[in-house]
Amino acid sequence: YKPSPVQLIKHLGFVFCWIGIWNLATPYLKNTTAGKLFIFCS
């Protein structure tokens, strides 16, 4: 909860990767149970 600037940028990098991967995976997963759960949460 109290990251250094370097740790904050590393975390942001992870978030960017995660968003990009989910955007690519969404068309394949949106009709699955897990996909519907993620869409609901979103």
Full PDB file with SEQRES, HELIX, SHEET, SSBOND, CRYST1, ORIGX, SCALE, CONECT and MASTER records, all heavy atoms in Angstrom:
SEQRES   1 A   42  TYR LYS PRO SER PRO VAL GLN LEU ILE LYS HIS LEU GLY          
SEQRES   2 A   42  PHE VAL PHE CYS TRP ILE GLY ILE TRP ASN LEU ALA THR          
SEQRES   3 A   42  PRO TYR LEU LYS ASN THR THR ALA GLY LYS LEU PHE ILE          
SEQRES   4 A   42  PHE CYS SER                                                  
HELIX    1 AA1 PRO A    5  LEU A   29  1                                  25    
HELIX    2 AA2 THR A   33  CYS A   41  1                                   9    
CRYST1    1.000    1.000    1.000  90.00  90.00  90.00 P 1           1          
ORIGX1      1.000000  0.000000  0.000000        0.00000                         
ORIGX2      0.000000  1.000000  0.000000        0.00000                         
ORIGX3      0.000000  0.000000  1.000000        0.00000                         
SCALE1      1.000000  0.000000  0.000000        0.00000                         
SCALE2      0.000000  1.000000  0.000000        0.00000                         
SCALE3      0.000000  0.000000  1.000000        0.00000                         
ATOM      1  N   TYR A   1       0.799  -1.218   0.000  1.00  0.00           N  
ATOM      2  CA  TYR A   1       0.000   0.000   0.000  1.00  0.00           C  
ATOM      3  C   TYR A   1       0.836   1.274   0.000  1.00  0.00           C  
ATOM      4  O   TYR A   1       0.303   2.357  -0.152  1.00  0.00           O  
ATOM      5  CB  TYR A   1      -0.994   0.017   1.164  1.00  0.00           C  
ATOM      6  CG  TYR A   1      -2.074  -1.009   0.948  1.00  0.00           C  
ATOM      7  CD1 TYR A   1      -2.090  -2.195   1.661  1.00  0.00           C  
ATOM      8  CD2 TYR A   1      -3.059  -0.812  -0.007  1.00  0.00           C  
ATOM      9  CE1 TYR A   1      -3.079  -3.146   1.434  1.00  0.00           C  
ATOM     10  CE2 TYR A   1      -4.045  -1.746  -0.245  1.00  0.00           C  
ATOM     11  CZ  TYR A   1      -4.046  -2.911   0.483  1.00  0.00           C  
ATOM     12  OH  TYR A   1      -5.004  -3.843   0.248  1.00  0.00           O  
ATOM     13  N   LYS A   2       2.124   1.156   0.186  1.00  0.00           N  
ATOM     14  CA  LYS A   2       3.009   2.314   0.153  1.00  0.00           C  
ATOM     15  C   LYS A   2       4.179   2.029  -0.779  1.00  0.00           C  
ATOM     16  O   LYS A   2       5.316   1.913  -0.346  1.00  0.00           O  
ATOM     17  CB  LYS A   2       3.509   2.630   1.554  1.00  0.00           C  
ATOM     18  CG  LYS A   2       2.406   3.016   2.499  1.00  0.00           C  
ATOM     19  CD  LYS A   2       2.953   3.301   3.862  1.00  0.00           C  
ATOM     20  CE  LYS A   2       1.798   3.573   4.810  1.00  0.00           C  
ATOM     21  NZ  LYS A   2       2.264   3.855   6.142  1.00  0.00           N  
ATOM     22  N   PRO A   3       3.896   1.923  -2.081  1.00  0.00           N  
ATOM     23  CA  PRO A   3       4.957   1.543  -3.022  1.00  0.00           C  
ATOM     24  C   PRO A   3       5.916   2.691  -3.318  1.00  0.00           C  
ATOM     25  O   PRO A   3       5.551   3.870  -3.241  1.00  0.00           O  
ATOM     26  CB  PRO A   3       4.172   1.176  -4.280  1.00  0.00           C  
ATOM     27  CG  PRO A   3       2.960   2.040  -4.221  1.00  0.00           C  
ATOM     28  CD  PRO A   3       2.610   2.116  -2.749  1.00  0.00           C  
ATOM     29  N   SER A   4       7.120   2.300  -3.705  1.00  0.00           N  
ATOM     30  CA  SER A   4       8.070   3.286  -4.212  1.00  0.00           C  
ATOM     31  C   SER A   4       7.652   3.640  -5.638  1.00  0.00           C  
ATOM     32  O   SER A   4       6.832   2.937  -6.240  1.00  0.00           O  
ATOM     33  CB  SER A   4       9.475   2.687  -4.218  1.00  0.00           C  
ATOM     34  OG  SER A   4       9.555   1.667  -5.214  1.00  0.00           O  
ATOM     35  N   PRO A   5       8.194   4.701  -6.216  1.00  0.00           N  
ATOM     36  CA  PRO A   5       7.852   5.033  -7.605  1.00  0.00           C  
ATOM     37  C   PRO A   5       8.145   3.884  -8.581  1.00  0.00           C  
ATOM     38  O   PRO A   5       7.351   3.619  -9.486  1.00  0.00           O  
ATOM     39  CB  PRO A   5       8.711   6.258  -7.910  1.00  0.00           C  
ATOM     40  CG  PRO A   5       8.909   6.910  -6.574  1.00  0.00           C  
ATOM     41  CD  PRO A   5       9.004   5.756  -5.602  1.00  0.00           C  
ATOM     42  N   VAL A   6       9.253   3.203  -8.384  1.00  0.00           N  
ATOM     43  CA  VAL A   6       9.602   2.080  -9.266  1.00  0.00           C  
ATOM     44  C   VAL A   6       8.575   0.955  -9.129  1.00  0.00           C  
ATOM     45  O   VAL A   6       8.116   0.386 -10.124  1.00  0.00           O  
ATOM     46  CB  VAL A   6      11.038   1.571  -8.977  1.00  0.00           C  
ATOM     47  CG1 VAL A   6      11.331   0.279  -9.718  1.00  0.00           C  
ATOM     48  CG2 VAL A   6      12.054   2.637  -9.340  1.00  0.00           C  
ATOM     49  N   GLN A   7       8.182   0.641  -7.901  1.00  0.00           N  
ATOM     50  CA  GLN A   7       7.181  -0.413  -7.690  1.00  0.00           C  
ATOM     51  C   GLN A   7       5.827  -0.005  -8.260  1.00  0.00           C  
ATOM     52  O   GLN A   7       5.104  -0.832  -8.803  1.00  0.00           O  
ATOM     53  CB  GLN A   7       7.058  -0.723  -6.201  1.00  0.00           C  
ATOM     54  CG  GLN A   7       8.275  -1.421  -5.648  1.00  0.00           C  
ATOM     55  CD  GLN A   7       8.275  -1.455  -4.132  1.00  0.00           C  
ATOM     56  OE1 GLN A   7       7.806  -0.519  -3.482  1.00  0.00           O  
ATOM     57  NE2 GLN A   7       8.801  -2.524  -3.568  1.00  0.00           N  
ATOM     58  N   LEU A   8       5.487   1.269  -8.179  1.00  0.00           N  
ATOM     59  CA  LEU A   8       4.232   1.759  -8.734  1.00  0.00           C  
ATOM     60  C   LEU A   8       4.221   1.622 -10.261  1.00  0.00           C  
ATOM     61  O   LEU A   8       3.229   1.169 -10.840  1.00  0.00           O  
ATOM     62  CB  LEU A   8       4.030   3.214  -8.318  1.00  0.00           C  
ATOM     63  CG  LEU A   8       2.630   3.781  -8.420  1.00  0.00           C  
ATOM     64  CD1 LEU A   8       1.680   3.025  -7.500  1.00  0.00           C  
ATOM     65  CD2 LEU A   8       2.644   5.251  -8.074  1.00  0.00           C  
ATOM     66  N   ILE A   9       5.321   1.954 -10.901  1.00  0.00           N  
ATOM     67  CA  ILE A   9       5.411   1.819 -12.359  1.00  0.00           C  
ATOM     68  C   ILE A   9       5.365   0.348 -12.759  1.00  0.00           C  
ATOM     69  O   ILE A   9       4.735  -0.016 -13.758  1.00  0.00           O  
ATOM     70  CB  ILE A   9       6.678   2.526 -12.891  1.00  0.00           C  
ATOM     71  CG1 ILE A   9       6.539   4.040 -12.680  1.00  0.00           C  
ATOM     72  CG2 ILE A   9       6.926   2.203 -14.355  1.00  0.00           C  
ATOM     73  CD1 ILE A   9       7.817   4.814 -12.892  1.00  0.00           C  
ATOM     74  N   LYS A  10       6.008  -0.510 -11.972  1.00  0.00           N  
ATOM     75  CA  LYS A  10       5.949  -1.953 -12.257  1.00  0.00           C  
ATOM     76  C   LYS A  10       4.506  -2.453 -12.166  1.00  0.00           C  
ATOM     77  O   LYS A  10       4.036  -3.213 -13.005  1.00  0.00           O  
ATOM     78  CB  LYS A  10       6.830  -2.728 -11.266  1.00  0.00           C  
ATOM     79  CG  LYS A  10       6.925  -4.207 -11.588  1.00  0.00           C  
ATOM     80  CD  LYS A  10       7.623  -5.044 -10.521  1.00  0.00           C  
ATOM     81  CE  LYS A  10       8.852  -4.431  -9.967  1.00  0.00           C  
ATOM     82  NZ  LYS A  10       9.491  -5.251  -8.927  1.00  0.00           N  
ATOM     83  N   HIS A  11       3.784  -2.009 -11.163  1.00  0.00           N  
ATOM     84  CA  HIS A  11       2.381  -2.399 -10.992  1.00  0.00           C  
ATOM     85  C   HIS A  11       1.536  -1.874 -12.154  1.00  0.00           C  
ATOM     86  O   HIS A  11       0.667  -2.578 -12.669  1.00  0.00           O  
ATOM     87  CB  HIS A  11       1.871  -1.872  -9.648  1.00  0.00           C  
ATOM     88  CG  HIS A  11       0.553  -2.436  -9.243  1.00  0.00           C  
ATOM     89  ND1 HIS A  11      -0.096  -2.040  -8.115  1.00  0.00           N  
ATOM     90  CD2 HIS A  11      -0.270  -3.349  -9.812  1.00  0.00           C  
ATOM     91  CE1 HIS A  11      -1.253  -2.678  -8.015  1.00  0.00           C  
ATOM     92  NE2 HIS A  11      -1.375  -3.469  -9.042  1.00  0.00           N  
ATOM     93  N   LEU A  12       1.780  -0.629 -12.574  1.00  0.00           N  
ATOM     94  CA  LEU A  12       1.073  -0.079 -13.728  1.00  0.00           C  
ATOM     95  C   LEU A  12       1.351  -0.908 -14.979  1.00  0.00           C  
ATOM     96  O   LEU A  12       0.451  -1.135 -15.793  1.00  0.00           O  
ATOM     97  CB  LEU A  12       1.486   1.374 -13.968  1.00  0.00           C  
ATOM     98  CG  LEU A  12       0.753   2.424 -13.174  1.00  0.00           C  
ATOM     99  CD1 LEU A  12       1.460   3.771 -13.288  1.00  0.00           C  
ATOM    100  CD2 LEU A  12      -0.677   2.543 -13.612  1.00  0.00           C  
ATOM    101  N   GLY A  13       2.589  -1.350 -15.141  1.00  0.00           N  
ATOM    102  CA  GLY A  13       2.937  -2.206 -16.277  1.00  0.00           C  
ATOM    103  C   GLY A  13       2.138  -3.494 -16.265  1.00  0.00           C  
ATOM    104  O   GLY A  13       1.623  -3.943 -17.305  1.00  0.00           O  
ATOM    105  N   PHE A  14       2.006  -4.084 -15.085  1.00  0.00           N  
ATOM    106  CA  PHE A  14       1.203  -5.304 -14.957  1.00  0.00           C  
ATOM    107  C   PHE A  14      -0.249  -5.027 -15.334  1.00  0.00           C  
ATOM    108  O   PHE A  14      -0.881  -5.815 -16.041  1.00  0.00           O  
ATOM    109  CB  PHE A  14       1.293  -5.862 -13.528  1.00  0.00           C  
ATOM    110  CG  PHE A  14       0.415  -7.054 -13.318  1.00  0.00           C  
ATOM    111  CD1 PHE A  14       0.824  -8.308 -13.720  1.00  0.00           C  
ATOM    112  CD2 PHE A  14      -0.844  -6.923 -12.723  1.00  0.00           C  
ATOM    113  CE1 PHE A  14       0.004  -9.418 -13.538  1.00  0.00           C  
ATOM    114  CE2 PHE A  14      -1.666  -8.016 -12.550  1.00  0.00           C  
ATOM    115  CZ  PHE A  14      -1.235  -9.271 -12.952  1.00  0.00           C  
ATOM    116  N   VAL A  15      -0.786  -3.892 -14.871  1.00  0.00           N  
ATOM    117  CA  VAL A  15      -2.176  -3.538 -15.178  1.00  0.00           C  
ATOM    118  C   VAL A  15      -2.362  -3.369 -16.680  1.00  0.00           C  
ATOM    119  O   VAL A  15      -3.339  -3.869 -17.254  1.00  0.00           O  
ATOM    120  CB  VAL A  15      -2.603  -2.268 -14.401  1.00  0.00           C  
ATOM    121  CG1 VAL A  15      -3.930  -1.741 -14.896  1.00  0.00           C  
ATOM    122  CG2 VAL A  15      -2.661  -2.552 -12.905  1.00  0.00           C  
ATOM    123  N   PHE A  16      -1.432  -2.680 -17.339  1.00  0.00           N  
ATOM    124  CA  PHE A  16      -1.535  -2.525 -18.788  1.00  0.00           C  
ATOM    125  C   PHE A  16      -1.514  -3.881 -19.500  1.00  0.00           C  
ATOM    126  O   PHE A  16      -2.300  -4.113 -20.423  1.00  0.00           O  
ATOM    127  CB  PHE A  16      -0.421  -1.631 -19.334  1.00  0.00           C  
ATOM    128  CG  PHE A  16      -0.750  -0.175 -19.303  1.00  0.00           C  
ATOM    129  CD1 PHE A  16      -0.049   0.693 -18.472  1.00  0.00           C  
ATOM    130  CD2 PHE A  16      -1.753   0.347 -20.098  1.00  0.00           C  
ATOM    131  CE1 PHE A  16      -0.343   2.042 -18.443  1.00  0.00           C  
ATOM    132  CE2 PHE A  16      -2.058   1.698 -20.080  1.00  0.00           C  
ATOM    133  CZ  PHE A  16      -1.357   2.541 -19.246  1.00  0.00           C  
ATOM    134  N   CYS A  17      -0.612  -4.768 -19.092  1.00  0.00           N  
ATOM    135  CA  CYS A  17      -0.570  -6.116 -19.696  1.00  0.00           C  
ATOM    136  C   CYS A  17      -1.897  -6.838 -19.477  1.00  0.00           C  
ATOM    137  O   CYS A  17      -2.447  -7.445 -20.405  1.00  0.00           O  
ATOM    138  CB  CYS A  17       0.562  -6.945 -19.092  1.00  0.00           C  
ATOM    139  SG  CYS A  17       2.182  -6.531 -19.703  1.00  0.00           S  
ATOM    140  N   TRP A  18      -2.390  -6.798 -18.267  1.00  0.00           N  
ATOM    141  CA  TRP A  18      -3.627  -7.490 -17.906  1.00  0.00           C  
ATOM    142  C   TRP A  18      -4.804  -6.989 -18.741  1.00  0.00           C  
ATOM    143  O   TRP A  18      -5.582  -7.769 -19.271  1.00  0.00           O  
ATOM    144  CB  TRP A  18      -3.884  -7.282 -16.412  1.00  0.00           C  
ATOM    145  CG  TRP A  18      -5.039  -8.039 -15.856  1.00  0.00           C  
ATOM    146  CD1 TRP A  18      -6.233  -7.520 -15.474  1.00  0.00           C  
ATOM    147  CD2 TRP A  18      -5.121  -9.437 -15.581  1.00  0.00           C  
ATOM    148  NE1 TRP A  18      -7.052  -8.512 -14.979  1.00  0.00           N  
ATOM    149  CE2 TRP A  18      -6.384  -9.697 -15.036  1.00  0.00           C  
ATOM    150  CE3 TRP A  18      -4.237 -10.492 -15.738  1.00  0.00           C  
ATOM    151  CZ2 TRP A  18      -6.794 -10.966 -14.664  1.00  0.00           C  
ATOM    152  CZ3 TRP A  18      -4.650 -11.757 -15.355  1.00  0.00           C  
ATOM    153  CH2 TRP A  18      -5.907 -11.979 -14.827  1.00  0.00           C  
ATOM    154  N   ILE A  19      -4.927  -5.675 -18.872  1.00  0.00           N  
ATOM    155  CA  ILE A  19      -6.019  -5.100 -19.664  1.00  0.00           C  
ATOM    156  C   ILE A  19      -5.891  -5.518 -21.126  1.00  0.00           C  
ATOM    157  O   ILE A  19      -6.881  -5.889 -21.763  1.00  0.00           O  
ATOM    158  CB  ILE A  19      -6.041  -3.562 -19.516  1.00  0.00           C  
ATOM    159  CG1 ILE A  19      -6.483  -3.175 -18.110  1.00  0.00           C  
ATOM    160  CG2 ILE A  19      -6.958  -2.926 -20.562  1.00  0.00           C  
ATOM    161  CD1 ILE A  19      -6.309  -1.699 -17.784  1.00  0.00           C  
ATOM    162  N   GLY A  20      -4.687  -5.462 -21.665  1.00  0.00           N  
ATOM    163  CA  GLY A  20      -4.482  -5.859 -23.058  1.00  0.00           C  
ATOM    164  C   GLY A  20      -4.798  -7.316 -23.303  1.00  0.00           C  
ATOM    165  O   GLY A  20      -5.449  -7.672 -24.298  1.00  0.00           O  
ATOM    166  N   ILE A  21      -4.359  -8.181 -22.393  1.00  0.00           N  
ATOM    167  CA  ILE A  21      -4.614  -9.628 -22.536  1.00  0.00           C  
ATOM    168  C   ILE A  21      -6.113  -9.905 -22.457  1.00  0.00           C  
ATOM    169  O   ILE A  21      -6.660 -10.656 -23.267  1.00  0.00           O  
ATOM    170  CB  ILE A  21      -3.833 -10.422 -21.469  1.00  0.00           C  
ATOM    171  CG1 ILE A  21      -2.336 -10.377 -21.799  1.00  0.00           C  
ATOM    172  CG2 ILE A  21      -4.337 -11.859 -21.378  1.00  0.00           C  
ATOM    173  CD1 ILE A  21      -1.437 -10.858 -20.678  1.00  0.00           C  
ATOM    174  N   TRP A  22      -6.802  -9.288 -21.491  1.00  0.00           N  
ATOM    175  CA  TRP A  22      -8.242  -9.520 -21.372  1.00  0.00           C  
ATOM    176  C   TRP A  22      -9.014  -8.981 -22.565  1.00  0.00           C  
ATOM    177  O   TRP A  22     -10.013  -9.560 -22.985  1.00  0.00           O  
ATOM    178  CB  TRP A  22      -8.800  -8.964 -20.063  1.00  0.00           C  
ATOM    179  CG  TRP A  22      -8.670  -9.970 -18.984  1.00  0.00           C  
ATOM    180  CD1 TRP A  22      -7.798  -9.940 -17.944  1.00  0.00           C  
ATOM    181  CD2 TRP A  22      -9.380 -11.200 -18.882  1.00  0.00           C  
ATOM    182  NE1 TRP A  22      -7.931 -11.074 -17.201  1.00  0.00           N  
ATOM    183  CE2 TRP A  22      -8.904 -11.880 -17.746  1.00  0.00           C  
ATOM    184  CE3 TRP A  22     -10.376 -11.809 -19.635  1.00  0.00           C  
ATOM    185  CZ2 TRP A  22      -9.377 -13.104 -17.343  1.00  0.00           C  
ATOM    186  CZ3 TRP A  22     -10.861 -13.043 -19.227  1.00  0.00           C  
ATOM    187  CH2 TRP A  22     -10.357 -13.669 -18.109  1.00  0.00           C  
ATOM    188  N   ASN A  23      -8.541  -7.880 -23.129  1.00  0.00           N  
ATOM    189  CA  ASN A  23      -9.206  -7.362 -24.323  1.00  0.00           C  
ATOM    190  C   ASN A  23      -9.078  -8.349 -25.490  1.00  0.00           C  
ATOM    191  O   ASN A  23     -10.028  -8.554 -26.241  1.00  0.00           O  
ATOM    192  CB  ASN A  23      -8.634  -6.003 -24.716  1.00  0.00           C  
ATOM    193  CG  ASN A  23      -9.402  -5.383 -25.851  1.00  0.00           C  
ATOM    194  OD1 ASN A  23     -10.579  -5.084 -25.706  1.00  0.00           O  
ATOM    195  ND2 ASN A  23      -8.763  -5.200 -26.982  1.00  0.00           N  
ATOM    196  N   LEU A  24      -7.917  -8.972 -25.618  1.00  0.00           N  
ATOM    197  CA  LEU A  24      -7.735  -9.970 -26.676  1.00  0.00           C  
ATOM    198  C   LEU A  24      -8.535 -11.245 -26.392  1.00  0.00           C  
ATOM    199  O   LEU A  24      -9.032 -11.891 -27.318  1.00  0.00           O  
ATOM    200  CB  LEU A  24      -6.253 -10.324 -26.841  1.00  0.00           C  
ATOM    201  CG  LEU A  24      -5.355  -9.223 -27.410  1.00  0.00           C  
ATOM    202  CD1 LEU A  24      -3.903  -9.689 -27.413  1.00  0.00           C  
ATOM    203  CD2 LEU A  24      -5.797  -8.829 -28.808  1.00  0.00           C  
ATOM    204  N   ALA A  25      -8.651 -11.609 -25.123  1.00  0.00           N  
ATOM    205  CA  ALA A  25      -9.321 -12.863 -24.755  1.00  0.00           C  
ATOM    206  C   ALA A  25     -10.836 -12.750 -24.699  1.00  0.00           C  
ATOM    207  O   ALA A  25     -11.535 -13.768 -24.837  1.00  0.00           O  
ATOM    208  CB  ALA A  25      -8.793 -13.336 -23.390  1.00  0.00           C  
ATOM    209  N   THR A  26     -11.360 -11.545 -24.535  1.00  0.00           N  
ATOM    210  CA  THR A  26     -12.802 -11.361 -24.356  1.00  0.00           C  
ATOM    211  C   THR A  26     -13.662 -12.012 -25.436  1.00  0.00           C  
ATOM    212  O   THR A  26     -14.645 -12.681 -25.107  1.00  0.00           O  
ATOM    213  CB  THR A  26     -13.140  -9.865 -24.214  1.00  0.00           C  
ATOM    214  OG1 THR A  26     -12.492  -9.383 -23.048  1.00  0.00           O  
ATOM    215  CG2 THR A  26     -14.626  -9.632 -24.090  1.00  0.00           C  
ATOM    216  N   PRO A  27     -13.342 -11.856 -26.725  1.00  0.00           N  
ATOM    217  CA  PRO A  27     -14.209 -12.485 -27.731  1.00  0.00           C  
ATOM    218  C   PRO A  27     -14.320 -14.003 -27.584  1.00  0.00           C  
ATOM    219  O   PRO A  27     -15.343 -14.588 -27.927  1.00  0.00           O  
ATOM    220  CB  PRO A  27     -13.545 -12.126 -29.067  1.00  0.00           C  
ATOM    221  CG  PRO A  27     -12.704 -10.935 -28.776  1.00  0.00           C  
ATOM    222  CD  PRO A  27     -12.286 -11.053 -27.339  1.00  0.00           C  
ATOM    223  N   TYR A  28     -13.279 -14.626 -27.043  1.00  0.00           N  
ATOM    224  CA  TYR A  28     -13.272 -16.077 -26.887  1.00  0.00           C  
ATOM    225  C   TYR A  28     -13.916 -16.530 -25.584  1.00  0.00           C  
ATOM    226  O   TYR A  28     -14.353 -17.665 -25.470  1.00  0.00           O  
ATOM    227  CB  TYR A  28     -11.836 -16.614 -26.959  1.00  0.00           C  
ATOM    228  CG  TYR A  28     -11.137 -16.180 -28.216  1.00  0.00           C  
ATOM    229  CD1 TYR A  28     -10.190 -15.160 -28.186  1.00  0.00           C  
ATOM    230  CD2 TYR A  28     -11.430 -16.777 -29.440  1.00  0.00           C  
ATOM    231  CE1 TYR A  28      -9.552 -14.756 -29.346  1.00  0.00           C  
ATOM    232  CE2 TYR A  28     -10.799 -16.368 -30.602  1.00  0.00           C  
ATOM    233  CZ  TYR A  28      -9.865 -15.360 -30.550  1.00  0.00           C  
ATOM    234  OH  TYR A  28      -9.251 -14.958 -31.701  1.00  0.00           O  
ATOM    235  N   LEU A  29     -13.953 -15.646 -24.599  1.00  0.00           N  
ATOM    236  CA  LEU A  29     -14.421 -16.030 -23.261  1.00  0.00           C  
ATOM    237  C   LEU A  29     -15.776 -15.450 -22.866  1.00  0.00           C  
ATOM    238  O   LEU A  29     -16.354 -15.870 -21.877  1.00  0.00           O  
ATOM    239  CB  LEU A  29     -13.393 -15.587 -22.212  1.00  0.00           C  
ATOM    240  CG  LEU A  29     -12.011 -16.194 -22.331  1.00  0.00           C  
ATOM    241  CD1 LEU A  29     -11.075 -15.556 -21.321  1.00  0.00           C  
ATOM    242  CD2 LEU A  29     -12.063 -17.691 -22.145  1.00  0.00           C  
ATOM    243  N   LYS A  30     -16.301 -14.488 -23.649  1.00  0.00           N  
ATOM    244  CA  LYS A  30     -17.485 -13.763 -23.180  1.00  0.00           C  
ATOM    245  C   LYS A  30     -18.717 -14.638 -22.988  1.00  0.00           C  
ATOM    246  O   LYS A  30     -19.579 -14.293 -22.192  1.00  0.00           O  
ATOM    247  CB  LYS A  30     -17.801 -12.587 -24.096  1.00  0.00           C  
ATOM    248  CG  LYS A  30     -18.243 -12.934 -25.471  1.00  0.00           C  
ATOM    249  CD  LYS A  30     -18.501 -11.660 -26.262  1.00  0.00           C  
ATOM    250  CE  LYS A  30     -18.887 -11.987 -27.691  1.00  0.00           C  
ATOM    251  NZ  LYS A  30     -19.036 -10.782 -28.475  1.00  0.00           N  
ATOM    252  N   ASN A  31     -18.818 -15.766 -23.641  1.00  0.00           N  
ATOM    253  CA  ASN A  31     -19.984 -16.644 -23.471  1.00  0.00           C  
ATOM    254  C   ASN A  31     -19.732 -17.791 -22.501  1.00  0.00           C  
ATOM    255  O   ASN A  31     -20.574 -18.658 -22.343  1.00  0.00           O  
ATOM    256  CB  ASN A  31     -20.442 -17.182 -24.832  1.00  0.00           C  
ATOM    257  CG  ASN A  31     -21.003 -16.073 -25.707  1.00  0.00           C  
ATOM    258  OD1 ASN A  31     -21.650 -15.160 -25.204  1.00  0.00           O  
ATOM    259  ND2 ASN A  31     -20.737 -16.130 -26.982  1.00  0.00           N  
ATOM    260  N   THR A  32     -18.579 -17.785 -21.843  1.00  0.00           N  
ATOM    261  CA  THR A  32     -18.286 -18.804 -20.839  1.00  0.00           C  
ATOM    262  C   THR A  32     -18.735 -18.294 -19.466  1.00  0.00           C  
ATOM    263  O   THR A  32     -18.991 -17.095 -19.290  1.00  0.00           O  
ATOM    264  CB  THR A  32     -16.776 -19.125 -20.787  1.00  0.00           C  
ATOM    265  OG1 THR A  32     -16.078 -17.968 -20.312  1.00  0.00           O  
ATOM    266  CG2 THR A  32     -16.245 -19.537 -22.153  1.00  0.00           C  
ATOM    267  N   THR A  33     -18.795 -19.178 -18.498  1.00  0.00           N  
ATOM    268  CA  THR A  33     -19.181 -18.777 -17.138  1.00  0.00           C  
ATOM    269  C   THR A  33     -18.198 -17.761 -16.570  1.00  0.00           C  
ATOM    270  O   THR A  33     -18.599 -16.741 -16.001  1.00  0.00           O  
ATOM    271  CB  THR A  33     -19.257 -20.009 -16.218  1.00  0.00           C  
ATOM    272  OG1 THR A  33     -20.189 -20.930 -16.784  1.00  0.00           O  
ATOM    273  CG2 THR A  33     -19.681 -19.636 -14.823  1.00  0.00           C  
ATOM    274  N   ALA A  34     -16.903 -18.029 -16.746  1.00  0.00           N  
ATOM    275  CA  ALA A  34     -15.893 -17.095 -16.237  1.00  0.00           C  
ATOM    276  C   ALA A  34     -15.998 -15.754 -16.944  1.00  0.00           C  
ATOM    277  O   ALA A  34     -15.902 -14.692 -16.310  1.00  0.00           O  
ATOM    278  CB  ALA A  34     -14.494 -17.679 -16.422  1.00  0.00           C  
ATOM    279  N   GLY A  35     -16.212 -15.780 -18.243  1.00  0.00           N  
ATOM    280  CA  GLY A  35     -16.351 -14.538 -18.994  1.00  0.00           C  
ATOM    281  C   GLY A  35     -17.547 -13.732 -18.546  1.00  0.00           C  
ATOM    282  O   GLY A  35     -17.472 -12.509 -18.403  1.00  0.00           O  
ATOM    283  N   LYS A  36     -18.671 -14.410 -18.311  1.00  0.00           N  
ATOM    284  CA  LYS A  36     -19.872 -13.712 -17.842  1.00  0.00           C  
ATOM    285  C   LYS A  36     -19.647 -13.108 -16.456  1.00  0.00           C  
ATOM    286  O   LYS A  36     -20.137 -12.011 -16.164  1.00  0.00           O  
ATOM    287  CB  LYS A  36     -21.065 -14.661 -17.837  1.00  0.00           C  
ATOM    288  CG  LYS A  36     -21.537 -15.014 -19.241  1.00  0.00           C  
ATOM    289  CD  LYS A  36     -22.648 -16.027 -19.211  1.00  0.00           C  
ATOM    290  CE  LYS A  36     -23.024 -16.428 -20.636  1.00  0.00           C  
ATOM    291  NZ  LYS A  36     -24.015 -17.488 -20.677  1.00  0.00           N  
ATOM    292  N   LEU A  37     -18.907 -13.818 -15.605  1.00  0.00           N  
ATOM    293  CA  LEU A  37     -18.592 -13.293 -14.276  1.00  0.00           C  
ATOM    294  C   LEU A  37     -17.730 -12.034 -14.392  1.00  0.00           C  
ATOM    295  O   LEU A  37     -17.990 -11.024 -13.721  1.00  0.00           O  
ATOM    296  CB  LEU A  37     -17.895 -14.343 -13.420  1.00  0.00           C  
ATOM    297  CG  LEU A  37     -17.439 -13.886 -12.036  1.00  0.00           C  
ATOM    298  CD1 LEU A  37     -18.638 -13.492 -11.179  1.00  0.00           C  
ATOM    299  CD2 LEU A  37     -16.630 -14.973 -11.363  1.00  0.00           C  
ATOM    300  N   PHE A  38     -16.707 -12.075 -15.235  1.00  0.00           N  
ATOM    301  CA  PHE A  38     -15.849 -10.906 -15.411  1.00  0.00           C  
ATOM    302  C   PHE A  38     -16.617  -9.730 -15.996  1.00  0.00           C  
ATOM    303  O   PHE A  38     -16.415  -8.588 -15.598  1.00  0.00           O  
ATOM    304  CB  PHE A  38     -14.624 -11.230 -16.274  1.00  0.00           C  
ATOM    305  CG  PHE A  38     -13.534 -11.920 -15.523  1.00  0.00           C  
ATOM    306  CD1 PHE A  38     -13.215 -13.232 -15.795  1.00  0.00           C  
ATOM    307  CD2 PHE A  38     -12.827 -11.259 -14.534  1.00  0.00           C  
ATOM    308  CE1 PHE A  38     -12.208 -13.875 -15.102  1.00  0.00           C  
ATOM    309  CE2 PHE A  38     -11.823 -11.883 -13.830  1.00  0.00           C  
ATOM    310  CZ  PHE A  38     -11.510 -13.206 -14.113  1.00  0.00           C  
ATOM    311  N   ILE A  39     -17.508  -9.987 -16.935  1.00  0.00           N  
ATOM    312  CA  ILE A  39     -18.319  -8.920 -17.518  1.00  0.00           C  
ATOM    313  C   ILE A  39     -19.240  -8.322 -16.449  1.00  0.00           C  
ATOM    314  O   ILE A  39     -19.380  -7.103 -16.341  1.00  0.00           O  
ATOM    315  CB  ILE A  39     -19.103  -9.441 -18.741  1.00  0.00           C  
ATOM    316  CG1 ILE A  39     -18.137  -9.713 -19.894  1.00  0.00           C  
ATOM    317  CG2 ILE A  39     -20.182  -8.448 -19.155  1.00  0.00           C  
ATOM    318  CD1 ILE A  39     -18.737 -10.489 -21.050  1.00  0.00           C  
ATOM    319  N   PHE A  40     -19.861  -9.182 -15.637  1.00  0.00           N  
ATOM    320  CA  PHE A  40     -20.711  -8.705 -14.539  1.00  0.00           C  
ATOM    321  C   PHE A  40     -19.902  -7.823 -13.592  1.00  0.00           C  
ATOM    322  O   PHE A  40     -20.344  -6.734 -13.216  1.00  0.00           O  
ATOM    323  CB  PHE A  40     -21.309  -9.902 -13.782  1.00  0.00           C  
ATOM    324  CG  PHE A  40     -22.061  -9.501 -12.547  1.00  0.00           C  
ATOM    325  CD1 PHE A  40     -23.370  -9.060 -12.627  1.00  0.00           C  
ATOM    326  CD2 PHE A  40     -21.451  -9.557 -11.305  1.00  0.00           C  
ATOM    327  CE1 PHE A  40     -24.066  -8.671 -11.488  1.00  0.00           C  
ATOM    328  CE2 PHE A  40     -22.125  -9.179 -10.159  1.00  0.00           C  
ATOM    329  CZ  PHE A  40     -23.439  -8.736 -10.256  1.00  0.00           C  
ATOM    330  N   CYS A  41     -18.720  -8.301 -13.210  1.00  0.00           N  
ATOM    331  CA  CYS A  41     -17.880  -7.529 -12.285  1.00  0.00           C  
ATOM    332  C   CYS A  41     -17.468  -6.198 -12.909  1.00  0.00           C  
ATOM    333  O   CYS A  41     -17.442  -5.171 -12.235  1.00  0.00           O  
ATOM    334  CB  CYS A  41     -16.644  -8.336 -11.896  1.00  0.00           C  
ATOM    335  SG  CYS A  41     -17.000  -9.739 -10.844  1.00  0.00           S  
ATOM    336  N   SER A  42     -17.149  -6.223 -14.192  1.00  0.00           N  
ATOM    337  CA  SER A  42     -16.745  -5.007 -14.873  1.00  0.00           C  
ATOM    338  C   SER A  42     -17.866  -3.979 -14.906  1.00  0.00           C  
ATOM    339  O   SER A  42     -17.654  -2.793 -14.670  1.00  0.00           O  
ATOM    340  CB  SER A  42     -16.312  -5.346 -16.298  1.00  0.00           C  
ATOM    341  OG  SER A  42     -15.953  -4.187 -16.995  1.00  0.00           O  
TER     342      SER A  42                                                      
MASTER        0    0    0    2    0    0    0    6  341    1    0    4          
END                                                                             
